[in-house]
Amino acid sequence: MNIAASKTKGLGKKAIYSLVPILFMAVMGQGYSAEYPDKPIRLVVAFPPGGPVDITARIMAPKLSEILKQSVFVENKAGAAGNIGTQSVSNGPADGYTLLVTSSSYAVNPTLYGAAAGYDPVRDFTPIIVATTQPNVVSVNEKIPVKTIAELKTLASKENLSFSSPGAGTTPSLTCANLFGVIWKSDITHIPYKGAGPASMAVVGGETPIGCTAVAGVYQFAKQGKVRILGVSSEKRIASLPDVPTLAEQGYPQIKDYTWTTVFAPIKTPAAIVQKINQAMNQVLSNPEMKDKFDQNGLIVVGGTTKQTAEYINEEVKRWGQIVKDTGAKVE
């Protein structure tokens, strides 16, 4: 016998209809809203303004507002190489109205900081989409008399140099720690900043002769002649910097690093909401006008399904965790 049918047998229409609000409230209690979104959505950027994560979020937000027919705004919560913003979203409501936008540091920090990172990259978040990616770059202030990575290595053997990065454990800092420390065995001092924007301004202003950032951080300054980009960490040269050779071309094939920008939701966010956000963001990323804006900032559009995103992020957590161990990187 159908147990549910036996319990409802003999109920009048009025009694059955009275169950509808109860069932509706039960569904709502699980966090699902058929009308999502019905209020503004906040994109929490885990870094200061001016870097690739911030640029990506601010390019996406207006178009997302159009597609979702709801305000989408960006809020910067920087600090501890992305940990502060990440923790704030992890501890917030899982309703789709507060999302995390962060970089590859998300994959690095649990190994670098241990429990102090304040989150588990697999258990605490649902990956929504990899929005953009870009290689890391080694750049120098315009007054530094070197034009190649080989010339920089020679200079480093003669002078005490320093390099800026978006922070300890960020992927640009690890790319340079690997190149300078592990491969060159050079003692170039690392000066961590609170994000790609400040790190880029440091090399532009001559606070550090060398900068290690993702492309977007220094791209505009390179076009203006204020910095010189010596090498990119991608497998192939990138369209926005066709004249800049890869590090592999310059004798370092083991370096194939990227800094990505990915959007995450707290782990208990309903699947239907996650899928809706993913679809909307894929619409943004496939829009020709939006792609032009990303291109102008040296950003490579990615996109994809939530399944593809989760698989990629899981692999990145393993890969960068191993790089942290190999370089001996420490929180500074």
C-alpha atoms as a PDB file:
ATOM      1  CA  MET A   1       0.000   0.000   0.000  1.00  0.00           C
ATOM      2  CA  ASN A   2       1.092   3.525  -0.728  1.00  0.00           C
ATOM      3  CA  ILE A   3       1.687   4.924   2.769  1.00  0.00           C
ATOM      4  CA  ALA A   4       1.375   8.553   1.673  1.00  0.00           C
ATOM      5  CA  ALA A   5      -1.903   7.787  -0.128  1.00  0.00           C
ATOM      6  CA  SER A   6      -3.324   5.955   2.868  1.00  0.00           C
ATOM      7  CA  LYS A   7      -2.615   8.906   5.138  1.00  0.00           C
ATOM      8  CA  THR A   8      -4.246  11.424   2.852  1.00  0.00           C
ATOM      9  CA  LYS A   9      -7.207   9.270   1.854  1.00  0.00           C
ATOM     10  CA  GLY A  10     -10.420  10.856   2.954  1.00  0.00           C
ATOM     11  CA  LEU A  11      -8.973  14.330   3.317  1.00  0.00           C
ATOM     12  CA  GLY A  12     -11.139  17.011   1.809  1.00  0.00           C
ATOM     13  CA  LYS A  13      -9.845  19.523  -0.719  1.00  0.00           C
ATOM     14  CA  LYS A  14      -9.645  22.139   1.976  1.00  0.00           C
ATOM     15  CA  ALA A  15      -7.373  19.954   4.101  1.00  0.00           C
ATOM     16  CA  ILE A  16      -5.137  19.099   1.144  1.00  0.00           C
ATOM     17  CA  TYR A  17      -4.874  22.735   0.089  1.00  0.00           C
ATOM     18  CA  SER A  18      -3.871  23.607   3.632  1.00  0.00           C
ATOM     19  CA  LEU A  19      -0.735  21.477   3.134  1.00  0.00           C
ATOM     20  CA  VAL A  20       0.506  23.629   0.250  1.00  0.00           C
ATOM     21  CA  PRO A  21       1.872  26.506   2.382  1.00  0.00           C
ATOM     22  CA  ILE A  22       3.592  23.974   4.648  1.00  0.00           C
ATOM     23  CA  LEU A  23       5.267  22.246   1.706  1.00  0.00           C
ATOM     24  CA  PHE A  24       6.270  25.621   0.247  1.00  0.00           C
ATOM     25  CA  MET A  25       7.853  26.682   3.524  1.00  0.00           C
ATOM     26  CA  ALA A  26       9.702  23.357   3.712  1.00  0.00           C
ATOM     27  CA  VAL A  27      11.213  23.956   0.284  1.00  0.00           C
ATOM     28  CA  MET A  28      12.084  27.542   1.184  1.00  0.00           C
ATOM     29  CA  GLY A  29      13.709  26.255   4.356  1.00  0.00           C
ATOM     30  CA  GLN A  30      16.152  24.343   2.174  1.00  0.00           C
ATOM     31  CA  GLY A  31      17.306  27.676   0.723  1.00  0.00           C
ATOM     32  CA  TYR A  32      15.679  27.412  -2.701  1.00  0.00           C
ATOM     33  CA  SER A  33      13.917  30.398  -4.210  1.00  0.00           C
ATOM     34  CA  ALA A  34      12.161  30.061  -7.555  1.00  0.00           C
ATOM     35  CA  GLU A  35      12.398  33.842  -7.862  1.00  0.00           C
ATOM     36  CA  TYR A  36      16.155  34.071  -7.333  1.00  0.00           C
ATOM     37  CA  PRO A  37      17.478  36.712  -7.385  1.00  0.00           C
ATOM     38  CA  ASP A  38      14.992  39.015  -5.700  1.00  0.00           C
ATOM     39  CA  LYS A  39      17.532  41.340  -4.046  1.00  0.00           C
ATOM     40  CA  PRO A  40      21.030  42.687  -4.820  1.00  0.00           C
ATOM     41  CA  ILE A  41      23.951  40.268  -5.194  1.00  0.00           C
ATOM     42  CA  ARG A  42      27.317  41.039  -3.619  1.00  0.00           C
ATOM     43  CA  LEU A  43      30.592  39.931  -5.224  1.00  0.00           C
ATOM     44  CA  VAL A  44      33.190  39.876  -2.444  1.00  0.00           C
ATOM     45  CA  VAL A  45      36.629  40.384  -4.012  1.00  0.00           C
ATOM     46  CA  ALA A  46      39.310  39.019  -1.701  1.00  0.00           C
ATOM     47  CA  PHE A  47      41.916  41.567  -2.893  1.00  0.00           C
ATOM     48  CA  PRO A  48      42.300  45.358  -3.180  1.00  0.00           C
ATOM     49  CA  PRO A  49      41.176  47.338  -6.239  1.00  0.00           C
ATOM     50  CA  GLY A  50      43.405  47.318  -9.299  1.00  0.00           C
ATOM     51  CA  GLY A  51      44.394  43.658  -9.576  1.00  0.00           C
ATOM     52  CA  PRO A  52      43.094  40.950 -11.935  1.00  0.00           C
ATOM     53  CA  VAL A  53      40.458  39.654  -9.521  1.00  0.00           C
ATOM     54  CA  ASP A  54      39.014  43.117  -8.984  1.00  0.00           C
ATOM     55  CA  ILE A  55      39.179  43.962 -12.692  1.00  0.00           C
ATOM     56  CA  THR A  56      37.405  40.721 -13.630  1.00  0.00           C
ATOM     57  CA  ALA A  57      34.631  41.276 -11.088  1.00  0.00           C
ATOM     58  CA  ARG A  58      34.063  44.892 -12.124  1.00  0.00           C
ATOM     59  CA  ILE A  59      33.895  44.002 -15.826  1.00  0.00           C
ATOM     60  CA  MET A  60      31.348  41.253 -15.117  1.00  0.00           C
ATOM     61  CA  ALA A  61      29.103  43.031 -12.605  1.00  0.00           C
ATOM     62  CA  PRO A  62      27.164  45.437 -14.906  1.00  0.00           C
ATOM     63  CA  LYS A  63      26.368  42.746 -17.481  1.00  0.00           C
ATOM     64  CA  LEU A  64      25.377  40.305 -14.752  1.00  0.00           C
ATOM     65  CA  SER A  65      22.960  42.922 -13.451  1.00  0.00           C
ATOM     66  CA  GLU A  66      21.350  43.077 -16.907  1.00  0.00           C
ATOM     67  CA  ILE A  67      21.044  39.315 -17.254  1.00  0.00           C
ATOM     68  CA  LEU A  68      19.799  38.601 -13.724  1.00  0.00           C
ATOM     69  CA  LYS A  69      17.674  41.770 -13.623  1.00  0.00           C
ATOM     70  CA  GLN A  70      19.046  42.600 -10.200  1.00  0.00           C
ATOM     71  CA  SER A  71      21.831  44.843  -8.892  1.00  0.00           C
ATOM     72  CA  VAL A  72      25.241  43.184  -8.688  1.00  0.00           C
ATOM     73  CA  PHE A  73      27.913  45.122  -6.819  1.00  0.00           C
ATOM     74  CA  VAL A  74      31.550  44.563  -5.923  1.00  0.00           C
ATOM     75  CA  GLU A  75      32.948  44.805  -2.401  1.00  0.00           C
ATOM     76  CA  ASN A  76      36.685  44.525  -1.724  1.00  0.00           C
ATOM     77  CA  LYS A  77      37.687  42.632   1.432  1.00  0.00           C
ATOM     78  CA  ALA A  78      41.445  42.363   1.210  1.00  0.00           C
ATOM     79  CA  GLY A  79      44.027  40.963   3.563  1.00  0.00           C
ATOM     80  CA  ALA A  80      46.151  37.881   4.331  1.00  0.00           C
ATOM     81  CA  ALA A  81      46.568  36.990   0.646  1.00  0.00           C
ATOM     82  CA  GLY A  82      42.845  36.573   0.180  1.00  0.00           C
ATOM     83  CA  ASN A  83      42.066  34.739   3.424  1.00  0.00           C
ATOM     84  CA  ILE A  84      40.028  37.524   5.027  1.00  0.00           C
ATOM     85  CA  GLY A  85      37.574  37.863   2.164  1.00  0.00           C
ATOM     86  CA  THR A  86      37.363  34.095   1.759  1.00  0.00           C
ATOM     87  CA  GLN A  87      36.618  33.559   5.440  1.00  0.00           C
ATOM     88  CA  SER A  88      33.930  36.256   5.429  1.00  0.00           C
ATOM     89  CA  VAL A  89      32.011  34.528   2.616  1.00  0.00           C
ATOM     90  CA  SER A  90      32.538  31.076   4.114  1.00  0.00           C
ATOM     91  CA  ASN A  91      30.926  32.274   7.346  1.00  0.00           C
ATOM     92  CA  GLY A  92      28.075  34.068   5.572  1.00  0.00           C
ATOM     93  CA  PRO A  93      24.671  32.906   4.334  1.00  0.00           C
ATOM     94  CA  ALA A  94      24.522  30.219   1.640  1.00  0.00           C
ATOM     95  CA  ASP A  95      21.717  31.869  -0.302  1.00  0.00           C
ATOM     96  CA  GLY A  96      23.409  33.010  -3.512  1.00  0.00           C
ATOM     97  CA  TYR A  97      23.452  36.684  -2.573  1.00  0.00           C
ATOM     98  CA  THR A  98      27.046  36.778  -1.303  1.00  0.00           C
ATOM     99  CA  LEU A  99      29.635  35.233  -3.608  1.00  0.00           C
ATOM    100  CA  LEU A 100      33.420  35.012  -3.398  1.00  0.00           C
ATOM    101  CA  VAL A 101      35.618  36.184  -6.261  1.00  0.00           C
ATOM    102  CA  THR A 102      39.223  35.223  -5.673  1.00  0.00           C
ATOM    103  CA  SER A 103      42.473  34.108  -7.263  1.00  0.00           C
ATOM    104  CA  SER A 104      44.696  31.031  -7.322  1.00  0.00           C
ATOM    105  CA  SER A 105      45.676  31.971  -3.762  1.00  0.00           C
ATOM    106  CA  TYR A 106      42.503  30.108  -2.825  1.00  0.00           C
ATOM    107  CA  ALA A 107      44.336  26.897  -3.839  1.00  0.00           C
ATOM    108  CA  VAL A 108      47.630  27.925  -2.235  1.00  0.00           C
ATOM    109  CA  ASN A 109      46.649  29.223   1.182  1.00  0.00           C
ATOM    110  CA  PRO A 110      45.378  26.047   2.895  1.00  0.00           C
ATOM    111  CA  THR A 111      48.884  24.546   2.488  1.00  0.00           C
ATOM    112  CA  LEU A 112      50.784  27.784   3.092  1.00  0.00           C
ATOM    113  CA  TYR A 113      48.819  28.963   6.133  1.00  0.00           C
ATOM    114  CA  GLY A 114      47.519  25.617   7.412  1.00  0.00           C
ATOM    115  CA  ALA A 115      44.591  25.986   9.793  1.00  0.00           C
ATOM    116  CA  ALA A 116      45.166  29.748   9.906  1.00  0.00           C
ATOM    117  CA  ALA A 117      43.792  30.012   6.356  1.00  0.00           C
ATOM    118  CA  GLY A 118      40.397  29.645   8.026  1.00  0.00           C
ATOM    119  CA  TYR A 119      38.727  27.560   5.313  1.00  0.00           C
ATOM    120  CA  ASP A 120      38.864  24.234   3.528  1.00  0.00           C
ATOM    121  CA  PRO A 121      38.928  24.726  -0.276  1.00  0.00           C
ATOM    122  CA  VAL A 122      36.944  21.556  -0.955  1.00  0.00           C
ATOM    123  CA  ARG A 123      34.528  21.304   1.979  1.00  0.00           C
ATOM    124  CA  ASP A 124      33.586  24.963   2.478  1.00  0.00           C
ATOM    125  CA  PHE A 125      32.790  26.176  -1.059  1.00  0.00           C
ATOM    126  CA  THR A 126      31.084  25.223  -4.300  1.00  0.00           C
ATOM    127  CA  PRO A 127      33.071  26.387  -7.365  1.00  0.00           C
ATOM    128  CA  ILE A 128      30.781  28.214  -9.804  1.00  0.00           C
ATOM    129  CA  ILE A 129      32.993  29.264 -12.697  1.00  0.00           C
ATOM    130  CA  VAL A 130      36.575  30.077 -13.660  1.00  0.00           C
ATOM    131  CA  ALA A 131      35.977  33.502 -15.181  1.00  0.00           C
ATOM    132  CA  THR A 132      39.425  34.479 -16.415  1.00  0.00           C
ATOM    133  CA  THR A 133      43.001  33.356 -16.295  1.00  0.00           C
ATOM    134  CA  GLN A 134      46.376  34.814 -17.188  1.00  0.00           C
ATOM    135  CA  PRO A 135      50.022  33.954 -16.846  1.00  0.00           C
ATOM    136  CA  ASN A 136      52.237  35.518 -14.243  1.00  0.00           C
ATOM    137  CA  VAL A 137      54.910  37.923 -15.436  1.00  0.00           C
ATOM    138  CA  VAL A 138      58.325  39.089 -14.358  1.00  0.00           C
ATOM    139  CA  SER A 139      58.601  42.837 -14.908  1.00  0.00           C
ATOM    140  CA  VAL A 140      61.158  45.513 -14.087  1.00  0.00           C
ATOM    141  CA  ASN A 141      61.021  49.247 -13.550  1.00  0.00           C
ATOM    142  CA  GLU A 142      61.758  51.185 -16.747  1.00  0.00           C
ATOM    143  CA  LYS A 143      65.094  52.392 -15.332  1.00  0.00           C
ATOM    144  CA  ILE A 144      66.485  48.898 -14.715  1.00  0.00           C
ATOM    145  CA  PRO A 145      68.968  48.182 -17.538  1.00  0.00           C
ATOM    146  CA  VAL A 146      67.842  44.667 -18.479  1.00  0.00           C
ATOM    147  CA  LYS A 147      65.692  43.408 -21.354  1.00  0.00           C
ATOM    148  CA  THR A 148      65.730  39.638 -20.850  1.00  0.00           C
ATOM    149  CA  ILE A 149      65.460  37.114 -18.048  1.00  0.00           C
ATOM    150  CA  ALA A 150      69.111  36.156 -18.662  1.00  0.00           C
ATOM    151  CA  GLU A 151      70.211  39.754 -18.173  1.00  0.00           C
ATOM    152  CA  LEU A 152      68.170  39.954 -14.963  1.00  0.00           C
ATOM    153  CA  LYS A 153      69.897  36.827 -13.653  1.00  0.00           C
ATOM    154  CA  THR A 154      73.291  38.409 -14.360  1.00  0.00           C
ATOM    155  CA  LEU A 155      72.286  41.630 -12.609  1.00  0.00           C
ATOM    156  CA  ALA A 156      71.006  39.651  -9.605  1.00  0.00           C
ATOM    157  CA  SER A 157      74.430  38.017  -9.262  1.00  0.00           C
ATOM    158  CA  LYS A 158      76.048  41.455  -8.926  1.00  0.00           C
ATOM    159  CA  GLU A 159      73.507  43.555  -6.983  1.00  0.00           C
ATOM    160  CA  ASN A 160      71.091  43.194  -4.103  1.00  0.00           C
ATOM    161  CA  LEU A 161      67.634  43.207  -5.660  1.00  0.00           C
ATOM    162  CA  SER A 162      64.077  42.863  -4.427  1.00  0.00           C
ATOM    163  CA  PHE A 163      60.769  41.931  -6.006  1.00  0.00           C
ATOM    164  CA  SER A 164      57.209  42.904  -5.211  1.00  0.00           C
ATOM    165  CA  SER A 165      54.292  40.467  -5.296  1.00  0.00           C
ATOM    166  CA  PRO A 166      50.568  40.539  -4.427  1.00  0.00           C
ATOM    167  CA  GLY A 167      51.402  38.758  -1.169  1.00  0.00           C
ATOM    168  CA  ALA A 168      53.119  35.743   0.351  1.00  0.00           C
ATOM    169  CA  GLY A 169      51.793  32.578  -1.229  1.00  0.00           C
ATOM    170  CA  THR A 170      50.091  34.232  -4.176  1.00  0.00           C
ATOM    171  CA  THR A 171      50.859  32.403  -7.403  1.00  0.00           C
ATOM    172  CA  PRO A 172      53.026  35.240  -8.810  1.00  0.00           C
ATOM    173  CA  SER A 173      55.134  35.167  -5.635  1.00  0.00           C
ATOM    174  CA  LEU A 174      55.533  31.396  -5.971  1.00  0.00           C
ATOM    175  CA  THR A 175      56.475  31.646  -9.657  1.00  0.00           C
ATOM    176  CA  CYS A 176      59.309  34.020  -8.763  1.00  0.00           C
ATOM    177  CA  ALA A 177      60.279  32.115  -5.615  1.00  0.00           C
ATOM    178  CA  ASN A 178      60.666  29.054  -7.806  1.00  0.00           C
ATOM    179  CA  LEU A 179      62.637  30.913 -10.507  1.00  0.00           C
ATOM    180  CA  PHE A 180      64.821  33.079  -8.278  1.00  0.00           C
ATOM    181  CA  GLY A 181      65.269  30.849  -5.245  1.00  0.00           C
ATOM    182  CA  VAL A 182      64.934  27.229  -6.347  1.00  0.00           C
ATOM    183  CA  ILE A 183      66.297  27.433  -9.910  1.00  0.00           C
ATOM    184  CA  TRP A 184      68.723  30.384  -9.740  1.00  0.00           C
ATOM    185  CA  LYS A 185      69.516  29.912  -6.049  1.00  0.00           C
ATOM    186  CA  SER A 186      69.620  33.706  -5.904  1.00  0.00           C
ATOM    187  CA  ASP A 187      68.961  35.791  -2.818  1.00  0.00           C
ATOM    188  CA  ILE A 188      66.475  38.291  -4.255  1.00  0.00           C
ATOM    189  CA  THR A 189      64.418  39.762  -1.409  1.00  0.00           C
ATOM    190  CA  HIS A 190      60.665  39.256  -1.537  1.00  0.00           C
ATOM    191  CA  ILE A 191      58.559  42.302  -0.596  1.00  0.00           C
ATOM    192  CA  PRO A 192      54.917  41.192  -0.285  1.00  0.00           C
ATOM    193  CA  TYR A 193      52.133  43.732  -0.844  1.00  0.00           C
ATOM    194  CA  LYS A 194      48.408  43.509  -0.189  1.00  0.00           C
ATOM    195  CA  GLY A 195      47.316  42.683  -3.707  1.00  0.00           C
ATOM    196  CA  ALA A 196      48.352  43.016  -7.342  1.00  0.00           C
ATOM    197  CA  GLY A 197      47.445  46.712  -7.524  1.00  0.00           C
ATOM    198  CA  PRO A 198      49.865  47.817  -4.787  1.00  0.00           C
ATOM    199  CA  ALA A 199      52.525  45.333  -5.995  1.00  0.00           C
ATOM    200  CA  SER A 200      52.319  46.753  -9.508  1.00  0.00           C
ATOM    201  CA  MET A 201      52.548  50.331  -8.254  1.00  0.00           C
ATOM    202  CA  ALA A 202      55.651  49.342  -6.257  1.00  0.00           C
ATOM    203  CA  VAL A 203      57.592  48.375  -9.383  1.00  0.00           C
ATOM    204  CA  VAL A 204      56.214  51.365 -11.331  1.00  0.00           C
ATOM    205  CA  GLY A 205      57.352  53.715  -8.582  1.00  0.00           C
ATOM    206  CA  GLY A 206      60.731  52.036  -8.125  1.00  0.00           C
ATOM    207  CA  GLU A 207      60.067  50.813  -4.570  1.00  0.00           C
ATOM    208  CA  THR A 208      61.227  47.446  -5.883  1.00  0.00           C
ATOM    209  CA  PRO A 209      63.203  47.027  -9.114  1.00  0.00           C
ATOM    210  CA  ILE A 210      61.355  43.804  -9.983  1.00  0.00           C
ATOM    211  CA  GLY A 211      57.656  42.974  -9.979  1.00  0.00           C
ATOM    212  CA  CYS A 212      56.063  39.530  -9.942  1.00  0.00           C
ATOM    213  CA  THR A 213      52.363  39.804 -10.702  1.00  0.00           C
ATOM    214  CA  ALA A 214      49.727  38.427 -13.019  1.00  0.00           C
ATOM    215  CA  VAL A 215      49.545  40.160 -16.405  1.00  0.00           C
ATOM    216  CA  ALA A 216      46.615  42.448 -15.596  1.00  0.00           C
ATOM    217  CA  GLY A 217      48.439  44.111 -12.719  1.00  0.00           C
ATOM    218  CA  VAL A 218      51.119  45.689 -14.918  1.00  0.00           C
ATOM    219  CA  TYR A 219      49.653  45.408 -18.408  1.00  0.00           C
ATOM    220  CA  GLN A 220      48.571  49.056 -18.712  1.00  0.00           C
ATOM    221  CA  PHE A 221      51.855  50.282 -17.209  1.00  0.00           C
ATOM    222  CA  ALA A 222      53.795  48.219 -19.742  1.00  0.00           C
ATOM    223  CA  LYS A 223      51.820  49.803 -22.569  1.00  0.00           C
ATOM    224  CA  GLN A 224      52.728  53.208 -21.125  1.00  0.00           C
ATOM    225  CA  GLY A 225      56.431  52.285 -20.955  1.00  0.00           C
ATOM    226  CA  LYS A 226      56.624  52.541 -17.168  1.00  0.00           C
ATOM    227  CA  VAL A 227      57.611  48.903 -16.717  1.00  0.00           C
ATOM    228  CA  ARG A 228      59.247  46.328 -18.973  1.00  0.00           C
ATOM    229  CA  ILE A 229      57.815  42.791 -18.968  1.00  0.00           C
ATOM    230  CA  LEU A 230      60.652  40.278 -19.396  1.00  0.00           C
ATOM    231  CA  GLY A 231      58.765  37.007 -19.480  1.00  0.00           C
ATOM    232  CA  VAL A 232      55.374  35.329 -19.115  1.00  0.00           C
ATOM    233  CA  SER A 233      54.754  32.027 -17.311  1.00  0.00           C
ATOM    234  CA  SER A 234      52.316  30.572 -19.853  1.00  0.00           C
ATOM    235  CA  GLU A 235      53.034  27.642 -22.168  1.00  0.00           C
ATOM    236  CA  LYS A 236      52.709  29.912 -25.219  1.00  0.00           C
ATOM    237  CA  ARG A 237      53.029  33.643 -25.817  1.00  0.00           C
ATOM    238  CA  ILE A 238      49.804  35.530 -25.199  1.00  0.00           C
ATOM    239  CA  ALA A 239      47.942  37.642 -27.746  1.00  0.00           C
ATOM    240  CA  SER A 240      48.049  40.808 -25.637  1.00  0.00           C
ATOM    241  CA  LEU A 241      51.879  40.607 -25.331  1.00  0.00           C
ATOM    242  CA  PRO A 242      53.021  38.993 -28.592  1.00  0.00           C
ATOM    243  CA  ASP A 243      56.596  40.309 -28.317  1.00  0.00           C
ATOM    244  CA  VAL A 244      57.201  39.015 -24.787  1.00  0.00           C
ATOM    245  CA  PRO A 245      58.757  35.534 -24.710  1.00  0.00           C
ATOM    246  CA  THR A 246      57.642  32.849 -22.299  1.00  0.00           C
ATOM    247  CA  LEU A 247      59.880  31.726 -19.474  1.00  0.00           C
ATOM    248  CA  ALA A 248      59.981  28.341 -21.212  1.00  0.00           C
ATOM    249  CA  GLU A 249      61.432  29.979 -24.336  1.00  0.00           C
ATOM    250  CA  GLN A 250      64.104  31.545 -22.151  1.00  0.00           C
ATOM    251  CA  GLY A 251      65.278  28.251 -20.696  1.00  0.00           C
ATOM    252  CA  TYR A 252      62.735  27.432 -17.983  1.00  0.00           C
ATOM    253  CA  PRO A 253      60.258  24.892 -19.431  1.00  0.00           C
ATOM    254  CA  GLN A 254      59.272  23.720 -15.950  1.00  0.00           C
ATOM    255  CA  ILE A 255      57.467  27.003 -15.282  1.00  0.00           C
ATOM    256  CA  LYS A 256      53.921  26.940 -16.662  1.00  0.00           C
ATOM    257  CA  ASP A 257      51.946  28.937 -14.124  1.00  0.00           C
ATOM    258  CA  TYR A 258      48.665  30.829 -14.296  1.00  0.00           C
ATOM    259  CA  THR A 259      46.710  33.104 -11.990  1.00  0.00           C
ATOM    260  CA  TRP A 260      42.987  32.491 -12.353  1.00  0.00           C
ATOM    261  CA  THR A 261      39.935  34.313 -11.106  1.00  0.00           C
ATOM    262  CA  THR A 262      37.131  32.031  -9.951  1.00  0.00           C
ATOM    263  CA  VAL A 263      33.708  32.647  -8.428  1.00  0.00           C
ATOM    264  CA  PHE A 264      32.647  30.502  -5.463  1.00  0.00           C
ATOM    265  CA  ALA A 265      29.502  30.103  -3.363  1.00  0.00           C
ATOM    266  CA  PRO A 266      29.303  28.804   0.222  1.00  0.00           C
ATOM    267  CA  ILE A 267      28.999  25.015   0.144  1.00  0.00           C
ATOM    268  CA  LYS A 268      25.314  24.793   1.140  1.00  0.00           C
ATOM    269  CA  THR A 269      24.091  27.150  -1.574  1.00  0.00           C
ATOM    270  CA  PRO A 270      21.242  25.362  -3.428  1.00  0.00           C
ATOM    271  CA  ALA A 271      22.326  23.675  -6.658  1.00  0.00           C
ATOM    272  CA  ALA A 272      19.585  25.420  -8.670  1.00  0.00           C
ATOM    273  CA  ILE A 273      20.954  28.821  -7.650  1.00  0.00           C
ATOM    274  CA  VAL A 274      24.555  27.813  -8.388  1.00  0.00           C
ATOM    275  CA  GLN A 275      23.502  26.652 -11.862  1.00  0.00           C
ATOM    276  CA  LYS A 276      21.625  29.883 -12.533  1.00  0.00           C
ATOM    277  CA  ILE A 277      24.675  31.964 -11.596  1.00  0.00           C
ATOM    278  CA  ASN A 278      26.934  29.768 -13.731  1.00  0.00           C
ATOM    279  CA  GLN A 279      24.659  30.163 -16.757  1.00  0.00           C
ATOM    280  CA  ALA A 280      24.468  33.933 -16.314  1.00  0.00           C
ATOM    281  CA  MET A 281      28.241  34.245 -15.974  1.00  0.00           C
ATOM    282  CA  ASN A 282      28.824  32.102 -19.058  1.00  0.00           C
ATOM    283  CA  GLN A 283      26.560  34.521 -20.938  1.00  0.00           C
ATOM    284  CA  VAL A 284      28.733  37.408 -19.774  1.00  0.00           C
ATOM    285  CA  LEU A 285      31.980  35.682 -20.714  1.00  0.00           C
ATOM    286  CA  SER A 286      30.764  34.710 -24.191  1.00  0.00           C
ATOM    287  CA  ASN A 287      29.578  38.225 -25.000  1.00  0.00           C
ATOM    288  CA  PRO A 288      31.916  39.753 -27.663  1.00  0.00           C
ATOM    289  CA  GLU A 289      31.834  43.189 -26.052  1.00  0.00           C
ATOM    290  CA  MET A 290      32.796  41.722 -22.679  1.00  0.00           C
ATOM    291  CA  LYS A 291      35.565  39.619 -24.225  1.00  0.00           C
ATOM    292  CA  ASP A 292      37.044  42.782 -25.737  1.00  0.00           C
ATOM    293  CA  LYS A 293      37.119  44.396 -22.307  1.00  0.00           C
ATOM    294  CA  PHE A 294      38.912  41.394 -20.835  1.00  0.00           C
ATOM    295  CA  ASP A 295      41.382  41.385 -23.749  1.00  0.00           C
ATOM    296  CA  GLN A 296      42.168  45.055 -23.138  1.00  0.00           C
ATOM    297  CA  ASN A 297      43.305  44.130 -19.632  1.00  0.00           C
ATOM    298  CA  GLY A 298      45.375  41.099 -20.622  1.00  0.00           C
ATOM    299  CA  LEU A 299      42.781  38.662 -19.278  1.00  0.00           C
ATOM    300  CA  ILE A 300      41.937  35.361 -20.977  1.00  0.00           C
ATOM    301  CA  VAL A 301      38.258  34.336 -20.785  1.00  0.00           C
ATOM    302  CA  VAL A 302      37.585  30.779 -19.564  1.00  0.00           C
ATOM    303  CA  GLY A 303      34.003  29.846 -18.554  1.00  0.00           C
ATOM    304  CA  GLY A 304      32.572  26.314 -18.467  1.00  0.00           C
ATOM    305  CA  THR A 305      30.233  24.141 -16.411  1.00  0.00           C
ATOM    306  CA  THR A 306      30.220  23.811 -12.640  1.00  0.00           C
ATOM    307  CA  LYS A 307      31.505  20.234 -13.015  1.00  0.00           C
ATOM    308  CA  GLN A 308      34.448  21.340 -15.148  1.00  0.00           C
ATOM    309  CA  THR A 309      35.173  24.139 -12.681  1.00  0.00           C
ATOM    310  CA  ALA A 310      35.151  21.820  -9.652  1.00  0.00           C
ATOM    311  CA  GLU A 311      37.480  19.330 -11.345  1.00  0.00           C
ATOM    312  CA  TYR A 312      39.915  22.078 -12.319  1.00  0.00           C
ATOM    313  CA  ILE A 313      39.952  23.670  -8.856  1.00  0.00           C
ATOM    314  CA  ASN A 314      40.526  20.312  -7.149  1.00  0.00           C
ATOM    315  CA  GLU A 315      43.577  19.721  -9.371  1.00  0.00           C
ATOM    316  CA  GLU A 316      44.878  23.243  -8.726  1.00  0.00           C
ATOM    317  CA  VAL A 317      44.619  22.751  -4.951  1.00  0.00           C
ATOM    318  CA  LYS A 318      46.850  19.673  -5.251  1.00  0.00           C
ATOM    319  CA  ARG A 319      49.308  21.274  -7.692  1.00  0.00           C
ATOM    320  CA  TRP A 320      49.864  24.528  -5.828  1.00  0.00           C
ATOM    321  CA  GLY A 321      50.027  22.719  -2.514  1.00  0.00           C
ATOM    322  CA  GLN A 322      52.985  20.767  -3.880  1.00  0.00           C
ATOM    323  CA  ILE A 323      54.654  23.940  -5.204  1.00  0.00           C
ATOM    324  CA  VAL A 324      54.384  25.509  -1.736  1.00  0.00           C
ATOM    325  CA  LYS A 325      56.187  22.481  -0.312  1.00  0.00           C
ATOM    326  CA  ASP A 326      58.822  22.431  -3.075  1.00  0.00           C
ATOM    327  CA  THR A 327      59.688  26.130  -2.693  1.00  0.00           C
ATOM    328  CA  GLY A 328      59.555  26.102   1.083  1.00  0.00           C
ATOM    329  CA  ALA A 329      57.325  29.174   0.951  1.00  0.00           C
ATOM    330  CA  LYS A 330      56.462  30.694   4.326  1.00  0.00           C
ATOM    331  CA  VAL A 331      54.014  33.345   5.481  1.00  0.00           C
ATOM    332  CA  GLU A 332      55.923  36.637   5.735  1.00  0.00           C
END
